[in-house]
Amino acid sequence: MFEIPWRRQARAVEAEAPQMEARVRSGSRSPNPGSSSKEAKEAEAAEEQQECVICCEELNCQTSIVKLPCNCTASYCHLCWDRSLAASIFSCNRALCPSCRCPMRVDFDPVQGRLLFERAVSGTTSDGSSLPEDNWHDRLYKQARPMQIKLLRLFGAQAEPVRTPGVGSGSAVEDVPQQPKSPALEPKCVCGSRLMCVSVKDRILAFISESSSSPHPSTIERLILNPPIVCDICDQVVQGQHVWTCENGRRTVLHAVAYDVCEACFAHHTKGEDMEVESRPEG
């Protein structure tokens, strides 16, 4: 059975009438109607806050809402909060709260595999000198590197062939691909997305397409001939014709600029072997 709201309210008033009459007779004052109205509005506002202010998805108070280190009362899901800080870093080189613009310090916990947020310390020290600028790029990439290497080794172990006796011979052996121990058949980035192998040219064009302005064709050609892609594991300029890159691009604060792994590092950490990378033709 469904109850109509106004009918339910009328029943509540009827049930409360004897108590109100008793209070009047005893000389007690009835509660202030304004206070109950205020409490109702606060409760309604609290319910409205249980959805992400960006994507408007409903949030679970226990797991989905980001615990903001600032004083904002807005609610964010983890995905929108992450992407907002990434966009802030890319535009102004600082992670700012999308609501109050308070600067944030972002760290990566390799044990729990998650991002940590706190208010960034800014200003001057006790002796009046300025605090050093937050080098978020080097810190985050260094913190995430061991986890990324672990993920590559895990992928290599899943795809590693095993030696089994060959068919028709008691001594011959052949390589048979091992059944993966997990349904995850693709290499994972530390952010949780997929690593893709793309050509260096496609990688440059994809990065340019994400920029707010289009460079001159001569600039694009120069970038393709001498790509400024740095491997985020060995910190060396990529020399091969292909590179492994995260499909999430710069939509996470964990790698708000880009995330790339060279062919040599990928082969070393997935197969345990050193790879001779074929150099690009010089322009």
Protein backbone atom coordinates (compact mmCIF):
# COMPACT_ATOMS: atom_id res chain seq x y z
CA MET A 1 0.00 0.00 0.00
CA PHE A 2 1.27 3.48 -0.87
CA GLU A 3 0.67 6.41 1.43
CA ILE A 4 0.08 9.85 -0.06
CA PRO A 5 2.45 12.38 1.63
CA TRP A 6 -0.22 14.89 2.63
CA ARG A 7 -2.32 12.10 4.15
CA ARG A 8 0.66 10.84 6.15
CA GLN A 9 1.32 14.38 7.38
CA ALA A 10 -2.32 14.79 8.44
CA ARG A 11 -2.13 11.58 10.46
CA ALA A 12 1.02 12.82 12.19
CA VAL A 13 -0.72 16.08 13.13
CA GLU A 14 -3.73 14.18 14.49
CA ALA A 15 -1.46 11.94 16.55
CA GLU A 16 0.39 14.93 18.02
CA ALA A 17 -2.76 16.97 18.80
CA PRO A 18 -3.43 15.47 22.29
CA GLN A 19 0.18 16.12 23.33
CA MET A 20 0.06 19.72 22.14
CA GLU A 21 -3.23 20.27 24.00
CA ALA A 22 -1.69 18.86 27.19
CA ARG A 23 1.30 21.23 26.89
CA VAL A 24 -0.99 24.22 26.43
CA ARG A 25 -3.02 23.28 29.50
CA SER A 26 0.12 22.86 31.61
CA GLY A 27 1.42 26.24 30.49
CA SER A 28 4.36 24.92 28.51
CA ARG A 29 5.34 26.58 25.26
CA SER A 30 5.04 24.75 21.98
CA PRO A 31 8.23 24.25 20.00
CA ASN A 32 9.32 27.04 17.69
CA PRO A 33 8.04 26.18 14.20
CA GLY A 34 10.97 28.06 12.72
CA SER A 35 13.53 25.74 14.31
CA SER A 36 11.89 22.62 12.89
CA SER A 37 11.75 24.26 9.48
CA LYS A 38 15.45 25.08 9.71
CA GLU A 39 16.33 21.54 10.73
CA ALA A 40 14.29 20.18 7.84
CA LYS A 41 16.13 22.42 5.39
CA GLU A 42 19.50 21.33 6.80
CA ALA A 43 18.50 17.68 6.53
CA GLU A 44 17.34 18.23 2.95
CA ALA A 45 20.60 19.98 2.10
CA ALA A 46 22.56 17.10 3.62
CA GLU A 47 20.66 14.63 1.46
CA GLU A 48 21.31 16.73 -1.63
CA GLN A 49 25.05 16.69 -0.86
CA GLN A 50 25.16 12.91 -1.16
CA GLU A 51 25.75 13.19 -4.88
CA CYS A 52 28.83 14.27 -6.77
CA VAL A 53 28.66 17.97 -7.64
CA ILE A 54 30.26 17.27 -11.03
CA CYS A 55 28.71 14.07 -12.40
CA CYS A 56 25.60 14.14 -10.13
CA GLU A 57 25.96 10.42 -9.39
CA GLU A 58 24.63 9.24 -6.05
CA LEU A 59 27.38 8.56 -3.53
CA ASN A 60 27.78 6.04 -0.76
CA CYS A 61 28.89 7.92 2.35
CA GLN A 62 31.21 5.12 3.41
CA THR A 63 33.12 4.43 0.21
CA SER A 64 32.36 6.82 -2.63
CA ILE A 65 32.80 10.30 -1.17
CA VAL A 66 36.28 11.79 -1.13
CA LYS A 67 37.32 13.09 2.29
CA LEU A 68 38.37 16.62 1.38
CA PRO A 69 41.40 18.03 3.20
CA CYS A 70 40.01 21.57 2.79
CA ASN A 71 36.94 23.14 4.39
CA CYS A 72 34.65 22.61 1.40
CA THR A 73 31.28 21.00 2.04
CA ALA A 74 30.83 19.87 -1.56
CA SER A 75 30.85 16.14 -2.32
CA TYR A 76 32.99 14.56 -5.03
CA CYS A 77 33.31 11.02 -6.29
CA HIS A 78 36.87 9.74 -6.56
CA LEU A 79 36.90 9.86 -10.36
CA CYS A 80 35.74 13.48 -10.67
CA TRP A 81 38.01 14.65 -7.86
CA ASP A 82 40.99 12.92 -9.49
CA ARG A 83 40.25 14.38 -12.92
CA SER A 84 39.64 17.87 -11.52
CA LEU A 85 43.03 17.95 -9.81
CA ALA A 86 44.68 16.56 -12.96
CA ALA A 87 43.13 19.34 -15.05
CA SER A 88 44.29 21.90 -12.50
CA ILE A 89 47.85 20.58 -12.58
CA PHE A 90 47.93 20.60 -16.36
CA SER A 91 46.59 24.17 -16.61
CA CYS A 92 48.49 25.90 -13.77
CA ASN A 93 51.00 23.31 -12.51
CA ARG A 94 49.24 23.13 -9.13
CA ALA A 95 46.60 20.80 -7.71
CA LEU A 96 43.78 23.12 -6.62
CA CYS A 97 40.42 22.20 -5.11
CA PRO A 98 37.79 22.85 -7.81
CA SER A 99 35.54 24.58 -5.25
CA CYS A 100 37.68 26.74 -2.96
CA ARG A 101 40.93 26.69 -5.01
CA CYS A 102 42.88 25.57 -1.94
CA PRO A 103 46.26 24.07 -2.98
CA MET A 104 46.60 20.32 -2.43
CA ARG A 105 49.56 18.04 -1.88
CA VAL A 106 49.11 14.70 -3.62
CA ASP A 107 51.03 11.54 -2.72
CA PHE A 108 50.80 7.91 -3.81
CA ASP A 109 50.80 5.16 -1.20
CA PRO A 110 52.50 2.15 -2.87
CA VAL A 111 51.42 -0.20 -0.07
CA GLN A 112 47.70 0.51 -0.38
CA GLY A 113 47.95 1.49 -4.04
CA ARG A 114 45.94 4.70 -3.68
CA LEU A 115 46.30 8.45 -3.80
CA LEU A 116 46.54 10.54 -0.62
CA PHE A 117 45.50 14.18 -0.38
CA GLU A 118 46.30 16.89 2.15
CA ARG A 119 46.48 20.64 2.26
CA ALA A 120 49.66 21.97 0.73
CA VAL A 121 51.87 24.04 3.03
CA SER A 122 52.53 27.43 1.47
CA GLY A 123 53.93 30.76 2.52
CA THR A 124 57.20 31.44 4.32
CA THR A 125 59.25 29.81 7.06
CA SER A 126 59.91 31.26 10.52
CA ASP A 127 63.00 33.09 9.26
CA GLY A 128 61.01 34.75 6.45
CA SER A 129 62.36 32.67 3.56
CA SER A 130 59.96 31.25 0.99
CA LEU A 131 59.06 27.58 1.11
CA PRO A 132 60.35 25.51 -1.83
CA GLU A 133 57.91 24.94 -4.66
CA ASP A 134 56.16 21.58 -4.62
CA ASN A 135 57.82 19.32 -7.20
CA TRP A 136 54.74 17.14 -7.63
CA HIS A 137 55.90 15.54 -10.88
CA ASP A 138 59.13 13.97 -9.63
CA ARG A 139 57.60 12.98 -6.29
CA LEU A 140 54.49 11.26 -7.68
CA TYR A 141 56.27 9.47 -10.51
CA LYS A 142 58.98 8.24 -8.12
CA GLN A 143 56.38 6.99 -5.63
CA ALA A 144 54.44 5.16 -8.36
CA ARG A 145 57.45 3.58 -10.10
CA PRO A 146 57.85 0.47 -7.87
CA MET A 147 54.15 -0.34 -8.25
CA GLN A 148 54.36 0.01 -12.04
CA ILE A 149 57.35 -2.32 -12.20
CA LYS A 150 55.46 -4.82 -10.04
CA LEU A 151 52.48 -4.69 -12.43
CA LEU A 152 54.73 -5.29 -15.45
CA ARG A 153 56.34 -8.30 -13.77
CA LEU A 154 52.91 -9.66 -12.89
CA PHE A 155 51.83 -9.33 -16.50
CA GLY A 156 55.01 -11.06 -17.65
CA ALA A 157 54.42 -13.95 -15.24
CA GLN A 158 50.89 -14.43 -16.55
CA ALA A 159 52.03 -14.61 -20.18
CA GLU A 160 55.28 -16.53 -19.61
CA PRO A 161 55.51 -19.78 -21.64
CA VAL A 162 56.26 -23.09 -19.92
CA ARG A 163 58.48 -25.88 -21.20
CA THR A 164 56.53 -29.07 -21.89
CA PRO A 165 57.44 -32.34 -23.71
CA GLY A 166 56.96 -32.15 -27.47
CA VAL A 167 54.46 -34.27 -29.32
CA GLY A 168 55.89 -37.51 -30.80
CA SER A 169 59.20 -37.38 -28.98
CA GLY A 170 60.17 -38.19 -25.44
CA SER A 171 63.02 -35.71 -25.27
CA ALA A 172 61.99 -32.76 -27.41
CA VAL A 173 60.35 -29.82 -25.73
CA GLU A 174 58.29 -26.97 -27.06
CA ASP A 175 57.07 -23.65 -25.73
CA VAL A 176 53.41 -23.67 -24.82
CA PRO A 177 51.82 -20.42 -23.67
CA GLN A 178 50.88 -20.63 -20.03
CA GLN A 179 47.25 -20.08 -19.12
CA PRO A 180 47.03 -16.69 -17.41
CA LYS A 181 46.46 -16.82 -13.67
CA SER A 182 44.14 -13.85 -13.90
CA PRO A 183 41.55 -12.66 -16.44
CA ALA A 184 43.58 -9.46 -16.82
CA LEU A 185 45.36 -10.26 -20.08
CA GLU A 186 46.61 -6.75 -20.77
CA PRO A 187 49.39 -4.81 -19.05
CA LYS A 188 48.06 -2.39 -16.47
CA CYS A 189 49.12 1.12 -15.65
CA VAL A 190 49.60 2.06 -12.02
CA CYS A 191 46.45 4.21 -12.27
CA GLY A 192 44.37 1.11 -13.05
CA SER A 193 43.90 1.72 -16.77
CA ARG A 194 45.47 -0.20 -19.67
CA LEU A 195 48.90 0.25 -21.20
CA MET A 196 48.80 0.32 -25.01
CA CYS A 197 51.66 -0.12 -27.46
CA VAL A 198 51.53 2.66 -30.07
CA SER A 199 53.92 4.12 -32.58
CA VAL A 200 55.90 7.15 -31.50
CA LYS A 201 54.23 9.17 -34.25
CA ASP A 202 50.74 8.27 -33.04
CA ARG A 203 51.83 9.08 -29.48
CA ILE A 204 52.94 12.57 -30.52
CA LEU A 205 49.74 13.20 -32.49
CA ALA A 206 47.59 12.01 -29.57
CA PHE A 207 49.38 14.35 -27.18
CA ILE A 208 48.94 17.27 -29.58
CA SER A 209 45.22 16.51 -29.98
CA GLU A 210 44.76 16.95 -26.22
CA SER A 211 46.34 20.41 -26.28
CA SER A 212 44.22 23.55 -26.23
CA SER A 213 46.07 25.05 -29.20
CA SER A 214 47.23 23.50 -32.47
CA PRO A 215 50.94 23.95 -33.24
CA HIS A 216 52.25 24.84 -36.67
CA PRO A 217 52.65 21.87 -39.06
CA SER A 218 56.42 22.41 -39.09
CA THR A 219 56.45 22.10 -35.30
CA ILE A 220 54.49 18.85 -35.49
CA GLU A 221 56.93 17.46 -38.04
CA ARG A 222 59.88 18.44 -35.85
CA LEU A 223 58.30 16.73 -32.82
CA ILE A 224 57.72 13.54 -34.80
CA LEU A 225 61.33 13.47 -35.99
CA ASN A 226 62.71 14.22 -32.51
CA PRO A 227 59.98 13.23 -30.03
CA PRO A 228 60.49 14.54 -26.47
CA ILE A 229 59.05 11.36 -24.92
CA VAL A 230 60.72 10.26 -21.69
CA CYS A 231 60.25 6.80 -20.21
CA ASP A 232 58.73 7.13 -16.75
CA ILE A 233 60.63 4.09 -15.49
CA CYS A 234 64.21 4.66 -16.66
CA ASP A 235 63.91 8.46 -17.13
CA GLN A 236 65.57 8.18 -20.54
CA VAL A 237 64.38 9.62 -23.84
CA VAL A 238 62.51 6.97 -25.81
CA GLN A 239 64.69 5.71 -28.68
CA GLY A 240 62.53 3.06 -30.35
CA GLN A 241 59.74 3.36 -32.87
CA HIS A 242 57.06 2.29 -30.38
CA VAL A 243 56.15 3.17 -26.83
CA TRP A 244 53.77 1.81 -24.20
CA THR A 245 51.42 4.53 -22.99
CA CYS A 246 48.46 4.69 -20.61
CA GLU A 247 45.06 4.90 -22.30
CA ASN A 248 43.92 7.19 -19.46
CA GLY A 249 46.16 9.93 -20.84
CA ARG A 250 46.43 12.84 -18.45
CA ARG A 251 42.99 12.39 -16.91
CA THR A 252 44.42 11.36 -13.54
CA VAL A 253 46.47 13.38 -11.08
CA LEU A 254 48.79 10.38 -10.78
CA HIS A 255 50.19 11.22 -14.22
CA ALA A 256 48.65 14.58 -15.10
CA VAL A 257 51.07 15.15 -18.00
CA ALA A 258 51.53 11.69 -19.52
CA TYR A 259 52.71 8.18 -18.69
CA ASP A 260 54.99 6.26 -21.03
CA VAL A 261 57.15 3.16 -20.83
CA CYS A 262 59.86 2.49 -23.42
CA GLU A 263 60.13 -0.84 -25.23
CA ALA A 264 63.37 -1.72 -23.44
CA CYS A 265 61.90 -1.27 -19.94
CA PHE A 266 58.76 -3.15 -20.91
CA ALA A 267 60.77 -6.13 -22.20
CA HIS A 268 63.11 -6.05 -19.18
CA HIS A 269 60.39 -6.07 -16.55
CA THR A 270 57.93 -8.42 -18.29
CA LYS A 271 60.40 -10.94 -19.73
CA GLY A 272 63.53 -10.30 -17.69
CA GLU A 273 65.61 -9.72 -20.81
CA ASP A 274 67.49 -6.81 -22.29
CA MET A 275 66.13 -5.63 -25.61
CA GLU A 276 68.02 -3.99 -28.42
CA VAL A 277 65.72 -1.21 -29.48
CA GLU A 278 65.60 -0.35 -33.16
CA SER A 279 66.48 3.32 -33.43
CA ARG A 280 64.31 5.76 -35.33
CA PRO A 281 65.61 7.06 -38.64
CA GLU A 282 67.20 10.46 -38.17
CA GLY A 283 65.50 13.36 -39.86
